Amino acid sequence: MIRINKVFVVVAILLTLFSACQKLENTIDIEFDDSDNQLVVECYIEAGKPYQLMLTETKNYFDITNICPFVRNSLVVLTQNGLKDTLREAPYSGSGCSSIMPFWNSDSTRFFNYGSNTICPAGLNNDFVLEVWDTLNDRYIRATTSAISVVPITTFQTESNQDSVFYCLLACVDDLSTLDYYRMTLHKTSLFKRDNNAFLNYVATNPYFDQVLYDQALFTTGEVGHTSDYQFYRTDTLIGTIYHINEAYYNYLETTRTAQDANLNPFVEPTAIASNIVGGYGIFTYLAYDRDTLYIPW
């Protein structure tokens, strides 16, 4: 009789726990955006460089992941102070993404699927308008940007600790009377990366730092800068770049990085990416930068 009671008690406990689990169970409805795919643009204007643009489209959550995102056969027109230039599409040897023969920028850090031989003129009085017509899918986007001045590098130096390991300081003089935004990057040896399997591999994708700065948020002395960790040695060659950027590009970079971090962390709330593309997503901006090379002597 005692053994039967013990079994009964165990069964009763299990039934109670099972019932409690059923009461705690909730149905969660997840809503996915089933809207049409949107055009995405990355276009960076540089004085002395040809016009180039990357045109892709967003994908819905349940789209097949290996579908090529490049948008083909579109009319892409870039207008500079009223002068219109039509960008041609990069050639393809087939129908898939791997068959594209893209246009590369001058230091091979980025590639594009639309480009032109027209060289962007220098000068701060240049305004630019981008228009893209995806006539096959009845989509149209538009964006504007303006030239911005180069801010020269004024400090690019290293200093070592007792173990002869160096840190690097990269800085510029800031105009405190204006609202300014900067992007500062530091690379070692070269902007190019060669390997045994490709004559030119993807470049400048892993800088020692890539910092986006807002002058009046942290700096009040008239100098804006950023330092690396102690991670360099004698005979190293460092490449420092300071971009003077506009607010739209600053917001795009900040929100893009926040969104990437959130995508890797399930406990972080997703962030919407700031864009200056009307009718789509992405960035259309003018790049003004100063770049210098520093050799750490033996």
C-alpha atoms as a PDB file:
ATOM      1  CA  MET A   1       0.000   0.000   0.000  1.00  0.00           C
ATOM      2  CA  ILE A   2       2.815   2.339   0.786  1.00  0.00           C
ATOM      3  CA  ARG A   3       4.514   1.667  -2.601  1.00  0.00           C
ATOM      4  CA  ILE A   4       1.242   2.396  -4.442  1.00  0.00           C
ATOM      5  CA  ASN A   5       0.894   5.729  -2.657  1.00  0.00           C
ATOM      6  CA  LYS A   6       4.448   6.683  -3.616  1.00  0.00           C
ATOM      7  CA  VAL A   7       3.793   5.912  -7.271  1.00  0.00           C
ATOM      8  CA  PHE A   8       0.525   7.827  -7.121  1.00  0.00           C
ATOM      9  CA  VAL A   9       2.278  10.840  -5.618  1.00  0.00           C
ATOM     10  CA  VAL A  10       4.977  10.808  -8.340  1.00  0.00           C
ATOM     11  CA  VAL A  11       2.383  10.540 -11.119  1.00  0.00           C
ATOM     12  CA  ALA A  12       0.346  13.324  -9.565  1.00  0.00           C
ATOM     13  CA  ILE A  13       3.384  15.607  -9.421  1.00  0.00           C
ATOM     14  CA  LEU A  14       4.214  14.905 -13.066  1.00  0.00           C
ATOM     15  CA  LEU A  15       0.632  15.601 -14.140  1.00  0.00           C
ATOM     16  CA  THR A  16       0.648  18.853 -12.173  1.00  0.00           C
ATOM     17  CA  LEU A  17       3.910  19.973 -13.779  1.00  0.00           C
ATOM     18  CA  PHE A  18       2.628  19.072 -17.247  1.00  0.00           C
ATOM     19  CA  SER A  19      -0.564  21.027 -16.614  1.00  0.00           C
ATOM     20  CA  ALA A  20       1.435  24.003 -15.395  1.00  0.00           C
ATOM     21  CA  CYS A  21       3.602  23.909 -18.522  1.00  0.00           C
ATOM     22  CA  GLN A  22       0.480  23.929 -20.674  1.00  0.00           C
ATOM     23  CA  LYS A  23      -0.837  26.992 -18.819  1.00  0.00           C
ATOM     24  CA  LEU A  24       2.497  28.789 -19.291  1.00  0.00           C
ATOM     25  CA  GLU A  25       2.612  28.053 -23.017  1.00  0.00           C
ATOM     26  CA  ASN A  26       1.725  31.077 -25.167  1.00  0.00           C
ATOM     27  CA  THR A  27       1.157  31.371 -28.888  1.00  0.00           C
ATOM     28  CA  ILE A  28       3.399  33.992 -30.481  1.00  0.00           C
ATOM     29  CA  ASP A  29       2.399  35.491 -33.812  1.00  0.00           C
ATOM     30  CA  ILE A  30       5.336  36.893 -35.776  1.00  0.00           C
ATOM     31  CA  GLU A  31       4.465  39.410 -38.461  1.00  0.00           C
ATOM     32  CA  PHE A  32       6.746  39.585 -41.486  1.00  0.00           C
ATOM     33  CA  ASP A  33       6.839  42.414 -43.979  1.00  0.00           C
ATOM     34  CA  ASP A  34       5.439  40.995 -47.224  1.00  0.00           C
ATOM     35  CA  SER A  35       5.736  44.248 -49.132  1.00  0.00           C
ATOM     36  CA  ASP A  36       7.453  44.437 -52.516  1.00  0.00           C
ATOM     37  CA  ASN A  37      11.223  44.422 -52.636  1.00  0.00           C
ATOM     38  CA  GLN A  38      12.757  47.901 -52.519  1.00  0.00           C
ATOM     39  CA  LEU A  39      15.657  49.294 -54.521  1.00  0.00           C
ATOM     40  CA  VAL A  40      18.944  49.756 -52.629  1.00  0.00           C
ATOM     41  CA  VAL A  41      21.676  52.159 -53.788  1.00  0.00           C
ATOM     42  CA  GLU A  42      25.274  52.743 -52.770  1.00  0.00           C
ATOM     43  CA  CYS A  43      26.806  55.616 -54.706  1.00  0.00           C
ATOM     44  CA  TYR A  44      29.897  57.579 -53.647  1.00  0.00           C
ATOM     45  CA  ILE A  45      30.918  60.680 -55.584  1.00  0.00           C
ATOM     46  CA  GLU A  46      34.642  61.536 -55.615  1.00  0.00           C
ATOM     47  CA  ALA A  47      36.323  64.440 -57.391  1.00  0.00           C
ATOM     48  CA  GLY A  48      38.577  63.184 -60.172  1.00  0.00           C
ATOM     49  CA  LYS A  49      36.941  59.731 -60.207  1.00  0.00           C
ATOM     50  CA  PRO A  50      34.311  58.274 -62.569  1.00  0.00           C
ATOM     51  CA  TYR A  51      30.695  57.956 -61.483  1.00  0.00           C
ATOM     52  CA  GLN A  52      29.924  54.452 -60.182  1.00  0.00           C
ATOM     53  CA  LEU A  53      26.938  52.915 -58.417  1.00  0.00           C
ATOM     54  CA  MET A  54      25.826  49.658 -56.830  1.00  0.00           C
ATOM     55  CA  LEU A  55      22.152  48.879 -57.440  1.00  0.00           C
ATOM     56  CA  THR A  56      20.533  45.955 -55.621  1.00  0.00           C
ATOM     57  CA  GLU A  57      17.184  45.238 -53.991  1.00  0.00           C
ATOM     58  CA  THR A  58      15.923  44.119 -50.608  1.00  0.00           C
ATOM     59  CA  LYS A  59      14.775  40.550 -50.077  1.00  0.00           C
ATOM     60  CA  ASN A  60      11.825  39.316 -48.049  1.00  0.00           C
ATOM     61  CA  TYR A  61      12.493  37.048 -45.078  1.00  0.00           C
ATOM     62  CA  PHE A  62      11.392  33.870 -46.871  1.00  0.00           C
ATOM     63  CA  ASP A  63      13.034  34.639 -50.229  1.00  0.00           C
ATOM     64  CA  ILE A  64      15.528  32.078 -51.495  1.00  0.00           C
ATOM     65  CA  THR A  65      18.883  33.286 -50.218  1.00  0.00           C
ATOM     66  CA  ASN A  66      20.837  32.453 -53.372  1.00  0.00           C
ATOM     67  CA  ILE A  67      18.751  34.741 -55.587  1.00  0.00           C
ATOM     68  CA  CYS A  68      21.032  37.381 -57.108  1.00  0.00           C
ATOM     69  CA  PRO A  69      20.226  40.813 -55.576  1.00  0.00           C
ATOM     70  CA  PHE A  70      21.628  42.875 -58.490  1.00  0.00           C
ATOM     71  CA  VAL A  71      18.978  44.893 -60.318  1.00  0.00           C
ATOM     72  CA  ARG A  72      19.598  44.742 -64.041  1.00  0.00           C
ATOM     73  CA  ASN A  73      18.509  46.708 -67.125  1.00  0.00           C
ATOM     74  CA  SER A  74      17.773  49.918 -65.212  1.00  0.00           C
ATOM     75  CA  LEU A  75      18.142  53.500 -66.388  1.00  0.00           C
ATOM     76  CA  VAL A  76      20.587  55.282 -64.075  1.00  0.00           C
ATOM     77  CA  VAL A  77      21.104  59.029 -64.567  1.00  0.00           C
ATOM     78  CA  LEU A  78      23.427  61.206 -62.511  1.00  0.00           C
ATOM     79  CA  THR A  79      23.090  64.963 -62.930  1.00  0.00           C
ATOM     80  CA  GLN A  80      25.827  67.412 -61.909  1.00  0.00           C
ATOM     81  CA  ASN A  81      24.796  71.077 -61.954  1.00  0.00           C
ATOM     82  CA  GLY A  82      22.295  70.344 -64.731  1.00  0.00           C
ATOM     83  CA  LEU A  83      24.647  68.142 -66.808  1.00  0.00           C
ATOM     84  CA  LYS A  84      23.154  64.667 -67.181  1.00  0.00           C
ATOM     85  CA  ASP A  85      25.196  61.493 -67.492  1.00  0.00           C
ATOM     86  CA  THR A  86      23.763  58.014 -68.043  1.00  0.00           C
ATOM     87  CA  LEU A  87      25.599  55.186 -66.286  1.00  0.00           C
ATOM     88  CA  ARG A  88      25.933  51.931 -68.203  1.00  0.00           C
ATOM     89  CA  GLU A  89      25.462  48.502 -66.669  1.00  0.00           C
ATOM     90  CA  ALA A  90      28.482  46.293 -66.006  1.00  0.00           C
ATOM     91  CA  PRO A  91      28.777  43.382 -68.479  1.00  0.00           C
ATOM     92  CA  TYR A  92      27.646  39.878 -67.533  1.00  0.00           C
ATOM     93  CA  SER A  93      28.947  36.606 -68.965  1.00  0.00           C
ATOM     94  CA  GLY A  94      25.822  34.756 -67.843  1.00  0.00           C
ATOM     95  CA  SER A  95      22.699  35.247 -65.755  1.00  0.00           C
ATOM     96  CA  GLY A  96      23.902  34.768 -62.165  1.00  0.00           C
ATOM     97  CA  CYS A  97      25.737  36.983 -59.694  1.00  0.00           C
ATOM     98  CA  SER A  98      29.024  35.176 -60.269  1.00  0.00           C
ATOM     99  CA  SER A  99      28.950  36.104 -63.949  1.00  0.00           C
ATOM    100  CA  ILE A 100      29.190  39.870 -63.390  1.00  0.00           C
ATOM    101  CA  MET A 101      32.323  41.724 -64.515  1.00  0.00           C
ATOM    102  CA  PRO A 102      32.030  44.673 -62.136  1.00  0.00           C
ATOM    103  CA  PHE A 103      33.488  48.152 -62.174  1.00  0.00           C
ATOM    104  CA  TRP A 104      36.091  48.752 -59.426  1.00  0.00           C
ATOM    105  CA  ASN A 105      36.938  52.042 -57.794  1.00  0.00           C
ATOM    106  CA  SER A 106      40.481  53.379 -58.081  1.00  0.00           C
ATOM    107  CA  ASP A 107      41.897  51.651 -54.979  1.00  0.00           C
ATOM    108  CA  SER A 108      39.820  48.496 -55.566  1.00  0.00           C
ATOM    109  CA  THR A 109      38.084  48.735 -52.221  1.00  0.00           C
ATOM    110  CA  ARG A 110      34.556  48.554 -53.703  1.00  0.00           C
ATOM    111  CA  PHE A 111      32.899  47.254 -56.845  1.00  0.00           C
ATOM    112  CA  PHE A 112      29.794  48.480 -58.686  1.00  0.00           C
ATOM    113  CA  ASN A 113      27.335  47.221 -61.300  1.00  0.00           C
ATOM    114  CA  TYR A 114      26.695  50.599 -62.996  1.00  0.00           C
ATOM    115  CA  GLY A 115      29.358  53.072 -64.072  1.00  0.00           C
ATOM    116  CA  SER A 116      30.419  55.862 -66.407  1.00  0.00           C
ATOM    117  CA  ASN A 117      33.607  57.211 -67.963  1.00  0.00           C
ATOM    118  CA  THR A 118      32.624  60.730 -66.928  1.00  0.00           C
ATOM    119  CA  ILE A 119      35.015  62.171 -64.342  1.00  0.00           C
ATOM    120  CA  CYS A 120      33.516  64.044 -61.411  1.00  0.00           C
ATOM    121  CA  PRO A 121      34.781  67.666 -61.438  1.00  0.00           C
ATOM    122  CA  ALA A 122      36.419  69.281 -58.430  1.00  0.00           C
ATOM    123  CA  GLY A 123      34.881  72.264 -56.699  1.00  0.00           C
ATOM    124  CA  LEU A 124      32.634  72.996 -53.745  1.00  0.00           C
ATOM    125  CA  ASN A 125      29.821  74.460 -55.852  1.00  0.00           C
ATOM    126  CA  ASN A 126      28.801  71.105 -57.291  1.00  0.00           C
ATOM    127  CA  ASP A 127      25.368  69.649 -56.594  1.00  0.00           C
ATOM    128  CA  PHE A 128      24.385  66.163 -57.682  1.00  0.00           C
ATOM    129  CA  VAL A 129      21.054  64.448 -58.379  1.00  0.00           C
ATOM    130  CA  LEU A 130      20.693  60.685 -58.776  1.00  0.00           C
ATOM    131  CA  GLU A 131      17.686  59.105 -60.503  1.00  0.00           C
ATOM    132  CA  VAL A 132      17.109  55.404 -61.132  1.00  0.00           C
ATOM    133  CA  TRP A 133      14.262  53.907 -63.150  1.00  0.00           C
ATOM    134  CA  ASP A 134      13.672  50.173 -62.821  1.00  0.00           C
ATOM    135  CA  THR A 135      11.257  50.065 -65.747  1.00  0.00           C
ATOM    136  CA  LEU A 136      10.725  46.297 -65.613  1.00  0.00           C
ATOM    137  CA  ASN A 137       9.260  46.511 -62.105  1.00  0.00           C
ATOM    138  CA  ASP A 138       7.918  50.094 -62.221  1.00  0.00           C
ATOM    139  CA  ARG A 139      10.225  51.425 -59.487  1.00  0.00           C
ATOM    140  CA  TYR A 140      11.820  54.869 -59.257  1.00  0.00           C
ATOM    141  CA  ILE A 141      14.214  56.371 -56.707  1.00  0.00           C
ATOM    142  CA  ARG A 142      15.844  59.759 -56.341  1.00  0.00           C
ATOM    143  CA  ALA A 143      18.542  61.287 -54.125  1.00  0.00           C
ATOM    144  CA  THR A 144      20.627  64.449 -53.875  1.00  0.00           C
ATOM    145  CA  THR A 145      23.995  65.377 -52.410  1.00  0.00           C
ATOM    146  CA  SER A 146      26.517  68.222 -52.574  1.00  0.00           C
ATOM    147  CA  ALA A 147      30.288  68.573 -52.613  1.00  0.00           C
ATOM    148  CA  ILE A 148      32.002  68.984 -49.259  1.00  0.00           C
ATOM    149  CA  SER A 149      35.472  70.303 -48.395  1.00  0.00           C
ATOM    150  CA  VAL A 150      38.501  68.172 -47.554  1.00  0.00           C
ATOM    151  CA  VAL A 151      39.745  68.528 -43.962  1.00  0.00           C
ATOM    152  CA  PRO A 152      43.526  67.943 -43.904  1.00  0.00           C
ATOM    153  CA  ILE A 153      45.248  65.531 -41.518  1.00  0.00           C
ATOM    154  CA  THR A 154      47.203  67.611 -39.004  1.00  0.00           C
ATOM    155  CA  THR A 155      48.391  64.903 -36.610  1.00  0.00           C
ATOM    156  CA  PHE A 156      49.520  61.441 -37.671  1.00  0.00           C
ATOM    157  CA  GLN A 157      52.028  60.046 -35.228  1.00  0.00           C
ATOM    158  CA  THR A 158      53.011  57.022 -33.162  1.00  0.00           C
ATOM    159  CA  GLU A 159      54.378  56.532 -29.681  1.00  0.00           C
ATOM    160  CA  SER A 160      55.746  53.395 -28.052  1.00  0.00           C
ATOM    161  CA  ASN A 161      55.554  51.860 -24.608  1.00  0.00           C
ATOM    162  CA  GLN A 162      58.383  50.243 -22.672  1.00  0.00           C
ATOM    163  CA  ASP A 163      58.060  47.106 -24.797  1.00  0.00           C
ATOM    164  CA  SER A 164      58.558  49.058 -28.059  1.00  0.00           C
ATOM    165  CA  VAL A 165      54.948  48.474 -29.103  1.00  0.00           C
ATOM    166  CA  PHE A 166      53.380  51.523 -30.753  1.00  0.00           C
ATOM    167  CA  TYR A 167      49.972  53.159 -30.782  1.00  0.00           C
ATOM    168  CA  CYS A 168      48.880  55.611 -33.491  1.00  0.00           C
ATOM    169  CA  LEU A 169      47.096  58.982 -33.231  1.00  0.00           C
ATOM    170  CA  LEU A 170      45.185  60.366 -36.223  1.00  0.00           C
ATOM    171  CA  ALA A 171      43.620  63.840 -35.943  1.00  0.00           C
ATOM    172  CA  CYS A 172      42.552  66.996 -37.765  1.00  0.00           C
ATOM    173  CA  VAL A 173      41.728  70.613 -36.870  1.00  0.00           C
ATOM    174  CA  ASP A 174      37.976  71.154 -36.565  1.00  0.00           C
ATOM    175  CA  ASP A 175      35.985  74.326 -37.189  1.00  0.00           C
ATOM    176  CA  LEU A 176      33.998  74.780 -33.970  1.00  0.00           C
ATOM    177  CA  SER A 177      31.681  77.320 -35.629  1.00  0.00           C
ATOM    178  CA  THR A 178      30.177  74.643 -37.901  1.00  0.00           C
ATOM    179  CA  LEU A 179      28.580  71.248 -37.373  1.00  0.00           C
ATOM    180  CA  ASP A 180      30.923  68.630 -38.829  1.00  0.00           C
ATOM    181  CA  TYR A 181      31.090  64.857 -39.123  1.00  0.00           C
ATOM    182  CA  TYR A 182      34.129  62.677 -39.738  1.00  0.00           C
ATOM    183  CA  ARG A 183      35.104  59.133 -40.515  1.00  0.00           C
ATOM    184  CA  MET A 184      38.658  58.066 -39.604  1.00  0.00           C
ATOM    185  CA  THR A 185      40.286  54.821 -40.725  1.00  0.00           C
ATOM    186  CA  LEU A 186      43.693  53.251 -40.132  1.00  0.00           C
ATOM    187  CA  HIS A 187      45.224  50.456 -42.195  1.00  0.00           C
ATOM    188  CA  LYS A 188      48.613  48.766 -42.149  1.00  0.00           C
ATOM    189  CA  THR A 189      51.002  48.087 -45.041  1.00  0.00           C
ATOM    190  CA  SER A 190      48.608  48.666 -47.947  1.00  0.00           C
ATOM    191  CA  LEU A 191      45.017  49.211 -48.991  1.00  0.00           C
ATOM    192  CA  PHE A 192      45.462  46.208 -51.259  1.00  0.00           C
ATOM    193  CA  LYS A 193      45.567  42.608 -50.107  1.00  0.00           C
ATOM    194  CA  ARG A 194      47.099  40.005 -52.364  1.00  0.00           C
ATOM    195  CA  ASP A 195      47.013  36.243 -51.918  1.00  0.00           C
ATOM    196  CA  ASN A 196      48.183  33.196 -53.835  1.00  0.00           C
ATOM    197  CA  ASN A 197      44.812  32.503 -55.445  1.00  0.00           C
ATOM    198  CA  ALA A 198      43.806  35.931 -56.758  1.00  0.00           C
ATOM    199  CA  PHE A 199      45.846  38.697 -58.288  1.00  0.00           C
ATOM    200  CA  LEU A 200      43.784  41.256 -56.370  1.00  0.00           C
ATOM    201  CA  ASN A 201      41.619  40.382 -53.402  1.00  0.00           C
ATOM    202  CA  TYR A 202      39.033  42.456 -51.547  1.00  0.00           C
ATOM    203  CA  VAL A 203      40.724  45.483 -50.018  1.00  0.00           C
ATOM    204  CA  ALA A 204      40.592  47.639 -46.917  1.00  0.00           C
ATOM    205  CA  THR A 205      37.849  45.580 -45.308  1.00  0.00           C
ATOM    206  CA  ASN A 206      39.612  45.093 -41.974  1.00  0.00           C
ATOM    207  CA  PRO A 207      41.056  48.408 -40.759  1.00  0.00           C
ATOM    208  CA  TYR A 208      42.712  48.681 -37.370  1.00  0.00           C
ATOM    209  CA  PHE A 209      40.042  51.246 -36.608  1.00  0.00           C
ATOM    210  CA  ASP A 210      37.124  52.738 -38.517  1.00  0.00           C
ATOM    211  CA  GLN A 211      35.659  55.460 -36.325  1.00  0.00           C
ATOM    212  CA  VAL A 212      32.741  57.783 -37.049  1.00  0.00           C
ATOM    213  CA  LEU A 213      32.898  61.058 -35.101  1.00  0.00           C
ATOM    214  CA  TYR A 214      30.623  64.023 -34.476  1.00  0.00           C
ATOM    215  CA  ASP A 215      32.703  67.068 -33.560  1.00  0.00           C
ATOM    216  CA  GLN A 216      30.470  68.789 -31.002  1.00  0.00           C
ATOM    217  CA  ALA A 217      29.531  65.573 -29.222  1.00  0.00           C
ATOM    218  CA  LEU A 218      32.969  64.854 -27.745  1.00  0.00           C
ATOM    219  CA  PHE A 219      35.420  67.525 -28.822  1.00  0.00           C
ATOM    220  CA  THR A 220      35.569  71.171 -27.720  1.00  0.00           C
ATOM    221  CA  THR A 221      39.253  72.028 -28.258  1.00  0.00           C
ATOM    222  CA  GLY A 222      39.260  72.464 -32.029  1.00  0.00           C
ATOM    223  CA  GLU A 223      40.899  69.096 -32.730  1.00  0.00           C
ATOM    224  CA  VAL A 224      39.136  65.836 -33.610  1.00  0.00           C
ATOM    225  CA  GLY A 225      41.051  62.568 -33.484  1.00  0.00           C
ATOM    226  CA  HIS A 226      41.173  58.897 -32.660  1.00  0.00           C
ATOM    227  CA  THR A 227      43.899  56.561 -31.351  1.00  0.00           C
ATOM    228  CA  SER A 228      44.602  52.892 -31.904  1.00  0.00           C
ATOM    229  CA  ASP A 229      45.613  50.329 -29.320  1.00  0.00           C
ATOM    230  CA  TYR A 230      49.258  49.375 -28.811  1.00  0.00           C
ATOM    231  CA  GLN A 231      49.501  47.018 -31.762  1.00  0.00           C
ATOM    232  CA  PHE A 232      52.241  48.211 -34.131  1.00  0.00           C
ATOM    233  CA  TYR A 233      55.972  47.571 -34.353  1.00  0.00           C
ATOM    234  CA  ARG A 234      59.096  49.012 -35.904  1.00  0.00           C
ATOM    235  CA  THR A 235      59.154  48.928 -39.743  1.00  0.00           C
ATOM    236  CA  ASP A 236      55.334  48.862 -39.916  1.00  0.00           C
ATOM    237  CA  THR A 237      53.745  51.145 -42.509  1.00  0.00           C
ATOM    238  CA  LEU A 238      50.459  52.807 -41.514  1.00  0.00           C
ATOM    239  CA  ILE A 239      47.868  54.418 -43.796  1.00  0.00           C
ATOM    240  CA  GLY A 240      45.582  57.009 -42.187  1.00  0.00           C
ATOM    241  CA  THR A 241      42.476  58.468 -43.829  1.00  0.00           C
ATOM    242  CA  ILE A 242      40.175  61.234 -42.593  1.00  0.00           C
ATOM    243  CA  TYR A 243      36.863  61.620 -44.415  1.00  0.00           C
ATOM    244  CA  HIS A 244      34.891  64.833 -43.977  1.00  0.00           C
ATOM    245  CA  ILE A 245      31.327  63.549 -44.358  1.00  0.00           C
ATOM    246  CA  ASN A 246      27.812  64.981 -44.288  1.00  0.00           C
ATOM    247  CA  GLU A 247      25.103  64.242 -41.751  1.00  0.00           C
ATOM    248  CA  ALA A 248      23.265  61.801 -44.033  1.00  0.00           C
ATOM    249  CA  TYR A 249      26.347  59.596 -44.437  1.00  0.00           C
ATOM    250  CA  TYR A 250      27.099  59.820 -40.698  1.00  0.00           C
ATOM    251  CA  ASN A 251      23.576  58.616 -39.850  1.00  0.00           C
ATOM    252  CA  TYR A 252      23.783  55.876 -42.481  1.00  0.00           C
ATOM    253  CA  LEU A 253      27.067  54.543 -41.073  1.00  0.00           C
ATOM    254  CA  GLU A 254      25.923  54.692 -37.459  1.00  0.00           C
ATOM    255  CA  THR A 255      22.580  52.965 -38.052  1.00  0.00           C
ATOM    256  CA  THR A 256      24.096  50.374 -40.401  1.00  0.00           C
ATOM    257  CA  ARG A 257      26.611  49.333 -37.761  1.00  0.00           C
ATOM    258  CA  THR A 258      23.976  49.289 -35.030  1.00  0.00           C
ATOM    259  CA  ALA A 259      21.744  47.108 -37.204  1.00  0.00           C
ATOM    260  CA  GLN A 260      24.611  44.699 -37.889  1.00  0.00           C
ATOM    261  CA  ASP A 261      25.319  44.389 -34.164  1.00  0.00           C
ATOM    262  CA  ALA A 262      21.635  43.825 -33.421  1.00  0.00           C
ATOM    263  CA  ASN A 263      21.456  41.109 -36.051  1.00  0.00           C
ATOM    264  CA  LEU A 264      24.052  39.119 -34.101  1.00  0.00           C
ATOM    265  CA  ASN A 265      22.379  39.619 -30.720  1.00  0.00           C
ATOM    266  CA  PRO A 266      18.818  38.332 -30.145  1.00  0.00           C
ATOM    267  CA  PHE A 267      18.457  40.550 -27.058  1.00  0.00           C
ATOM    268  CA  VAL A 268      19.075  43.827 -28.928  1.00  0.00           C
ATOM    269  CA  GLU A 269      16.165  45.659 -30.513  1.00  0.00           C
ATOM    270  CA  PRO A 270      16.516  45.948 -34.320  1.00  0.00           C
ATOM    271  CA  THR A 271      17.436  49.376 -35.681  1.00  0.00           C
ATOM    272  CA  ALA A 272      16.119  51.021 -38.825  1.00  0.00           C
ATOM    273  CA  ILE A 273      18.873  52.113 -41.212  1.00  0.00           C
ATOM    274  CA  ALA A 274      18.881  55.833 -41.997  1.00  0.00           C
ATOM    275  CA  SER A 275      18.814  56.528 -45.737  1.00  0.00           C
ATOM    276  CA  ASN A 276      18.770  59.572 -48.016  1.00  0.00           C
ATOM    277  CA  ILE A 277      17.281  57.624 -50.929  1.00  0.00           C
ATOM    278  CA  VAL A 278      13.712  58.733 -51.702  1.00  0.00           C
ATOM    279  CA  GLY A 279      11.655  55.699 -52.701  1.00  0.00           C
ATOM    280  CA  GLY A 280      14.258  53.161 -51.607  1.00  0.00           C
ATOM    281  CA  TYR A 281      17.208  52.561 -49.297  1.00  0.00           C
ATOM    282  CA  GLY A 282      20.934  53.158 -49.194  1.00  0.00           C
ATOM    283  CA  ILE A 283      23.244  56.148 -49.490  1.00  0.00           C
ATOM    284  CA  PHE A 284      24.171  58.736 -52.121  1.00  0.00           C
ATOM    285  CA  THR A 285      27.003  60.910 -50.869  1.00  0.00           C
ATOM    286  CA  TYR A 286      30.107  62.898 -51.760  1.00  0.00           C
ATOM    287  CA  LEU A 287      33.449  61.632 -50.432  1.00  0.00           C
ATOM    288  CA  ALA A 288      36.077  64.211 -49.443  1.00  0.00           C
ATOM    289  CA  TYR A 289      39.133  62.822 -47.678  1.00  0.00           C
ATOM    290  CA  ASP A 290      42.790  63.311 -46.889  1.00  0.00           C
ATOM    291  CA  ARG A 291      45.100  60.289 -46.747  1.00  0.00           C
ATOM    292  CA  ASP A 292      48.687  59.943 -45.565  1.00  0.00           C
ATOM    293  CA  THR A 293      51.273  57.196 -44.983  1.00  0.00           C
ATOM    294  CA  LEU A 294      53.470  56.849 -41.903  1.00  0.00           C
ATOM    295  CA  TYR A 295      56.507  54.557 -41.638  1.00  0.00           C
ATOM    296  CA  ILE A 296      57.682  53.500 -38.165  1.00  0.00           C
ATOM    297  CA  PRO A 297      61.491  53.452 -38.403  1.00  0.00           C
ATOM    298  CA  TRP A 298      63.664  50.744 -36.959  1.00  0.00           C
END
